[in-house]
């Protein structure tokens, strides 16, 4: 089936969600996120049951090397900043979704 981007023109964020659910794209997203959650649950179970030493939420992902050569206090500070900024980003996204639903209009939702 060829992609037809014209049929998605003029959709708001909220109506685009419904259109993508009908098209099947959201089902694919749900499937692959579920697979990732199942795979990550193995690490969580090891952490809880076997005392692996892994901290919650720590997947050892530091490709840029932000924590290389940092003291334990600096690492703890960076972890706190990460949690704080991620929570702020989640709140901001929630605000965008709420504004989109309340206004039922296109971006910038005013």
N, C-alpha and C. Protein backbone atom coordinates (compact mmCIF):
# COMPACT_ATOMS: atom_id res chain seq x y z
N UNK A 1 0.85 -1.18 0.00
CA UNK A 1 0.00 0.00 0.00
C UNK A 1 0.89 1.23 0.00
N UNK A 2 0.72 2.09 -0.97
CA UNK A 2 1.53 3.29 -1.08
C UNK A 2 1.10 4.33 -0.06
N UNK A 3 2.08 5.08 0.43
CA UNK A 3 1.78 6.15 1.38
C UNK A 3 1.04 7.27 0.66
N UNK A 4 0.06 7.82 1.31
CA UNK A 4 -0.72 8.92 0.75
C UNK A 4 -0.76 10.06 1.76
N UNK A 5 0.29 10.90 1.76
CA UNK A 5 0.36 11.95 2.78
C UNK A 5 -0.75 13.00 2.63
N UNK A 6 -1.34 13.13 1.46
CA UNK A 6 -2.39 14.13 1.27
C UNK A 6 -3.60 13.88 2.16
N UNK A 7 -3.87 12.62 2.44
CA UNK A 7 -5.06 12.33 3.25
C UNK A 7 -4.87 12.74 4.71
N UNK A 8 -3.64 13.06 5.11
CA UNK A 8 -3.38 13.51 6.48
C UNK A 8 -3.24 15.02 6.58
N UNK A 9 -3.34 15.73 5.48
CA UNK A 9 -3.25 17.19 5.51
C UNK A 9 -4.43 17.78 6.26
N UNK A 10 -4.17 18.82 7.02
CA UNK A 10 -5.23 19.51 7.72
C UNK A 10 -5.68 18.86 9.02
N UNK A 11 -5.04 17.78 9.41
CA UNK A 11 -5.41 17.13 10.65
C UNK A 11 -4.77 17.85 11.83
N UNK A 12 -5.49 17.91 12.93
CA UNK A 12 -4.90 18.44 14.16
C UNK A 12 -4.16 17.30 14.84
N UNK A 13 -3.45 17.62 15.91
CA UNK A 13 -2.73 16.58 16.64
C UNK A 13 -3.67 15.50 17.15
N UNK A 14 -4.84 15.90 17.61
CA UNK A 14 -5.79 14.95 18.16
C UNK A 14 -6.42 14.10 17.05
N UNK A 15 -6.84 14.71 15.97
CA UNK A 15 -7.46 13.94 14.89
C UNK A 15 -6.43 13.09 14.14
N UNK A 16 -5.16 13.53 14.14
CA UNK A 16 -4.11 12.72 13.52
C UNK A 16 -3.93 11.41 14.28
N UNK A 17 -4.06 11.47 15.59
CA UNK A 17 -3.98 10.24 16.40
C UNK A 17 -5.04 9.25 15.96
N UNK A 18 -6.28 9.72 15.84
CA UNK A 18 -7.37 8.84 15.45
C UNK A 18 -7.16 8.27 14.04
N UNK A 19 -6.67 9.12 13.12
CA UNK A 19 -6.43 8.65 11.76
C UNK A 19 -5.33 7.59 11.72
N UNK A 20 -4.29 7.77 12.53
CA UNK A 20 -3.20 6.79 12.54
C UNK A 20 -3.60 5.50 13.25
N UNK A 21 -4.54 5.57 14.18
CA UNK A 21 -5.07 4.34 14.79
C UNK A 21 -5.81 3.54 13.73
N UNK A 22 -6.64 4.21 12.94
CA UNK A 22 -7.39 3.52 11.87
C UNK A 22 -6.45 2.93 10.83
N UNK A 23 -5.38 3.67 10.50
CA UNK A 23 -4.45 3.24 9.47
C UNK A 23 -3.59 2.07 9.95
N UNK A 24 -3.39 1.95 11.26
CA UNK A 24 -2.61 0.84 11.79
C UNK A 24 -1.24 1.22 12.31
N UNK A 25 -0.82 2.45 12.10
CA UNK A 25 0.51 2.87 12.54
C UNK A 25 0.64 2.85 14.05
N UNK A 26 -0.39 3.24 14.77
CA UNK A 26 -0.33 3.26 16.22
C UNK A 26 -0.25 1.85 16.79
N UNK A 27 -0.87 0.90 16.11
CA UNK A 27 -0.76 -0.50 16.52
C UNK A 27 0.68 -0.99 16.43
N UNK A 28 1.37 -0.59 15.37
CA UNK A 28 2.78 -0.95 15.22
C UNK A 28 3.63 -0.34 16.33
N UNK A 29 3.38 0.94 16.63
CA UNK A 29 4.11 1.58 17.73
C UNK A 29 3.87 0.84 19.04
N UNK A 30 2.63 0.51 19.31
CA UNK A 30 2.28 -0.21 20.53
C UNK A 30 2.98 -1.56 20.59
N UNK A 31 2.99 -2.27 19.48
CA UNK A 31 3.64 -3.58 19.42
C UNK A 31 5.12 -3.48 19.76
N UNK A 32 5.84 -2.59 19.08
CA UNK A 32 7.29 -2.51 19.28
C UNK A 32 7.66 -1.95 20.64
N UNK A 33 6.85 -1.04 21.19
CA UNK A 33 7.12 -0.56 22.54
C UNK A 33 6.86 -1.68 23.55
N UNK A 34 5.87 -2.51 23.29
CA UNK A 34 5.59 -3.64 24.17
C UNK A 34 6.75 -4.64 24.15
N UNK A 35 7.30 -4.89 22.98
CA UNK A 35 8.45 -5.79 22.87
C UNK A 35 9.62 -5.24 23.68
N UNK A 36 9.88 -3.93 23.57
CA UNK A 36 10.98 -3.32 24.33
C UNK A 36 10.73 -3.44 25.84
N UNK A 37 9.49 -3.26 26.26
CA UNK A 37 9.16 -3.38 27.69
C UNK A 37 9.37 -4.81 28.19
N UNK A 38 8.98 -5.79 27.39
CA UNK A 38 9.16 -7.18 27.80
C UNK A 38 10.65 -7.50 27.92
N UNK A 39 11.43 -7.04 26.96
CA UNK A 39 12.88 -7.30 27.00
C UNK A 39 13.50 -6.61 28.21
N UNK A 40 13.11 -5.38 28.51
CA UNK A 40 13.69 -4.66 29.65
C UNK A 40 13.22 -5.24 30.98
N UNK A 41 12.10 -5.94 30.98
CA UNK A 41 11.62 -6.54 32.24
C UNK A 41 12.57 -7.60 32.75
N UNK A 42 13.34 -8.22 31.87
CA UNK A 42 14.33 -9.21 32.29
C UNK A 42 15.36 -8.55 33.20
N UNK A 43 15.85 -7.37 32.80
CA UNK A 43 16.83 -6.64 33.61
C UNK A 43 16.22 -6.21 34.94
N UNK A 44 14.96 -5.79 34.92
CA UNK A 44 14.30 -5.37 36.16
C UNK A 44 14.17 -6.56 37.11
N UNK A 45 13.77 -7.72 36.60
CA UNK A 45 13.63 -8.90 37.44
C UNK A 45 14.98 -9.32 38.03
N UNK A 46 16.04 -9.23 37.24
CA UNK A 46 17.37 -9.54 37.76
C UNK A 46 17.74 -8.57 38.88
N UNK A 47 17.42 -7.30 38.69
CA UNK A 47 17.74 -6.29 39.69
C UNK A 47 16.99 -6.57 40.99
N UNK A 48 15.72 -6.92 40.88
CA UNK A 48 14.90 -7.13 42.07
C UNK A 48 15.21 -8.45 42.77
N UNK A 49 15.43 -9.50 42.02
CA UNK A 49 15.55 -10.84 42.60
C UNK A 49 16.98 -11.29 42.86
N UNK A 50 17.90 -10.84 42.05
CA UNK A 50 19.26 -11.39 42.14
C UNK A 50 20.27 -10.38 42.67
N UNK A 51 19.83 -9.16 42.96
CA UNK A 51 20.77 -8.16 43.47
C UNK A 51 21.89 -7.87 42.51
N UNK A 52 21.56 -7.54 41.28
CA UNK A 52 22.56 -7.32 40.25
C UNK A 52 23.39 -6.05 40.48
N UNK A 53 22.96 -5.19 41.39
CA UNK A 53 23.69 -3.95 41.63
C UNK A 53 23.27 -2.83 40.70
N UNK A 54 22.39 -3.11 39.79
CA UNK A 54 21.91 -2.10 38.84
C UNK A 54 20.89 -1.21 39.53
N UNK A 55 21.02 0.10 39.33
CA UNK A 55 20.06 1.05 39.90
C UNK A 55 18.83 1.11 39.01
N UNK A 56 17.65 1.39 39.58
CA UNK A 56 16.46 1.54 38.75
C UNK A 56 16.65 2.63 37.71
N UNK A 57 16.29 2.33 36.48
CA UNK A 57 16.40 3.30 35.40
C UNK A 57 17.78 3.42 34.78
N UNK A 58 18.76 2.74 35.33
CA UNK A 58 20.12 2.82 34.81
C UNK A 58 20.36 1.68 33.83
N UNK A 59 20.35 2.01 32.56
CA UNK A 59 20.58 1.00 31.52
C UNK A 59 22.01 1.06 30.99
N UNK A 60 22.86 1.85 31.67
CA UNK A 60 24.26 1.94 31.27
C UNK A 60 24.45 2.65 29.95
N UNK A 61 23.52 3.52 29.60
CA UNK A 61 23.59 4.22 28.33
C UNK A 61 24.26 5.58 28.51
N UNK A 62 25.49 5.69 28.09
CA UNK A 62 26.24 6.94 28.14
C UNK A 62 27.16 7.01 26.92
N UNK A 63 26.56 7.05 25.70
CA UNK A 63 27.38 6.96 24.50
C UNK A 63 28.33 8.14 24.30
N UNK A 64 28.01 9.30 24.87
CA UNK A 64 28.85 10.47 24.68
C UNK A 64 29.94 10.54 25.75
N UNK A 65 29.75 9.82 26.85
CA UNK A 65 30.76 9.79 27.90
C UNK A 65 30.65 10.94 28.88
N UNK A 66 29.42 11.38 29.17
CA UNK A 66 29.23 12.48 30.11
C UNK A 66 29.75 12.15 31.50
N UNK A 67 29.71 10.89 31.88
CA UNK A 67 30.07 10.52 33.24
C UNK A 67 31.51 10.03 33.38
N UNK A 68 32.25 10.00 32.27
CA UNK A 68 33.64 9.54 32.32
C UNK A 68 34.48 10.49 33.16
N UNK A 69 35.21 9.93 34.09
CA UNK A 69 36.12 10.74 34.90
C UNK A 69 35.43 11.59 35.96
N UNK A 70 34.15 11.39 36.19
CA UNK A 70 33.41 12.17 37.18
C UNK A 70 33.47 11.46 38.53
N UNK A 71 33.44 12.27 39.59
CA UNK A 71 33.40 11.71 40.94
C UNK A 71 32.00 11.18 41.22
N UNK A 72 31.87 10.41 42.30
CA UNK A 72 30.56 9.85 42.67
C UNK A 72 29.55 10.96 42.93
N UNK A 73 29.99 12.05 43.56
CA UNK A 73 29.10 13.18 43.85
C UNK A 73 28.64 13.84 42.56
N UNK A 74 29.53 13.99 41.59
CA UNK A 74 29.16 14.58 40.30
C UNK A 74 28.20 13.69 39.53
N UNK A 75 28.41 12.38 39.62
CA UNK A 75 27.51 11.43 38.95
C UNK A 75 26.12 11.51 39.57
N UNK A 76 26.04 11.56 40.89
CA UNK A 76 24.74 11.69 41.56
C UNK A 76 24.04 12.98 41.17
N UNK A 77 24.81 14.07 41.04
CA UNK A 77 24.23 15.35 40.63
C UNK A 77 23.68 15.27 39.21
N UNK A 78 24.43 14.62 38.32
CA UNK A 78 23.96 14.47 36.93
C UNK A 78 22.71 13.59 36.87
N UNK A 79 22.66 12.56 37.68
CA UNK A 79 21.47 11.69 37.70
C UNK A 79 20.25 12.47 38.18
N UNK A 80 20.44 13.31 39.20
CA UNK A 80 19.34 14.13 39.70
C UNK A 80 18.87 15.12 38.63
N UNK A 81 19.82 15.72 37.93
CA UNK A 81 19.46 16.65 36.85
C UNK A 81 18.67 15.93 35.75
N UNK A 82 19.10 14.71 35.43
CA UNK A 82 18.42 13.94 34.39
C UNK A 82 16.97 13.67 34.80
N UNK A 83 16.77 13.22 36.03
CA UNK A 83 15.42 12.93 36.51
C UNK A 83 14.57 14.20 36.51
N UNK A 84 15.14 15.30 37.01
CA UNK A 84 14.40 16.57 37.08
C UNK A 84 14.00 17.04 35.69
N UNK A 85 14.92 17.02 34.75
CA UNK A 85 14.62 17.51 33.40
C UNK A 85 13.66 16.60 32.67
N UNK A 86 13.76 15.29 32.89
CA UNK A 86 12.82 14.37 32.25
C UNK A 86 11.41 14.58 32.78
N UNK A 87 11.29 14.81 34.07
CA UNK A 87 9.97 15.07 34.64
C UNK A 87 9.40 16.38 34.10
N UNK A 88 10.23 17.39 33.97
CA UNK A 88 9.78 18.66 33.41
C UNK A 88 9.33 18.48 31.97
N UNK A 89 10.07 17.68 31.20
CA UNK A 89 9.69 17.43 29.81
C UNK A 89 8.36 16.69 29.72
N UNK A 90 8.13 15.74 30.63
CA UNK A 90 6.86 15.01 30.63
C UNK A 90 5.71 15.95 30.96
N UNK A 91 5.93 16.86 31.91
CA UNK A 91 4.88 17.83 32.25
C UNK A 91 4.61 18.77 31.07
N UNK A 92 5.66 19.19 30.38
CA UNK A 92 5.48 20.07 29.23
C UNK A 92 4.71 19.37 28.12
N UNK A 93 5.04 18.11 27.85
CA UNK A 93 4.32 17.35 26.84
C UNK A 93 2.86 17.18 27.22
N UNK A 94 2.60 16.92 28.50
CA UNK A 94 1.22 16.81 28.96
C UNK A 94 0.47 18.11 28.73
N UNK A 95 1.14 19.24 28.94
CA UNK A 95 0.53 20.54 28.68
C UNK A 95 0.19 20.73 27.21
N UNK A 96 1.09 20.29 26.33
CA UNK A 96 0.84 20.41 24.89
C UNK A 96 -0.35 19.56 24.49
N UNK A 97 -0.43 18.34 25.01
CA UNK A 97 -1.54 17.45 24.68
C UNK A 97 -2.85 18.03 25.20
N UNK A 98 -2.84 18.53 26.43
CA UNK A 98 -4.04 19.13 27.00
C UNK A 98 -4.50 20.33 26.18
N UNK A 99 -3.56 21.19 25.80
CA UNK A 99 -3.89 22.37 25.00
C UNK A 99 -4.46 21.94 23.64
N UNK A 100 -3.89 20.91 23.04
CA UNK A 100 -4.38 20.44 21.74
C UNK A 100 -5.82 19.93 21.86
N UNK A 101 -6.12 19.22 22.93
CA UNK A 101 -7.47 18.70 23.12
C UNK A 101 -8.46 19.83 23.41
N UNK A 102 -8.04 20.79 24.24
CA UNK A 102 -8.94 21.87 24.62
C UNK A 102 -9.26 22.80 23.45
N UNK A 103 -8.26 23.10 22.62
CA UNK A 103 -8.50 24.06 21.53
C UNK A 103 -8.99 23.39 20.26
N UNK A 104 -8.68 22.11 20.07
CA UNK A 104 -9.05 21.37 18.85
C UNK A 104 -8.54 22.06 17.59
N UNK A 105 -7.47 22.83 17.72
CA UNK A 105 -6.91 23.53 16.57
C UNK A 105 -5.50 23.07 16.28
N UNK A 106 -4.91 23.64 15.23
CA UNK A 106 -3.54 23.27 14.87
C UNK A 106 -2.52 23.97 15.78
N UNK A 107 -1.29 23.54 15.69
CA UNK A 107 -0.20 24.16 16.44
C UNK A 107 -0.12 25.62 16.04
N UNK A 108 0.07 26.57 16.89
CA UNK A 108 0.55 26.58 18.28
C UNK A 108 -0.56 26.55 19.33
N UNK A 109 -1.73 26.07 19.04
CA UNK A 109 -2.79 25.84 20.00
C UNK A 109 -3.22 27.09 20.75
N UNK A 110 -3.33 28.20 20.05
CA UNK A 110 -3.82 29.43 20.70
C UNK A 110 -5.12 29.89 20.07
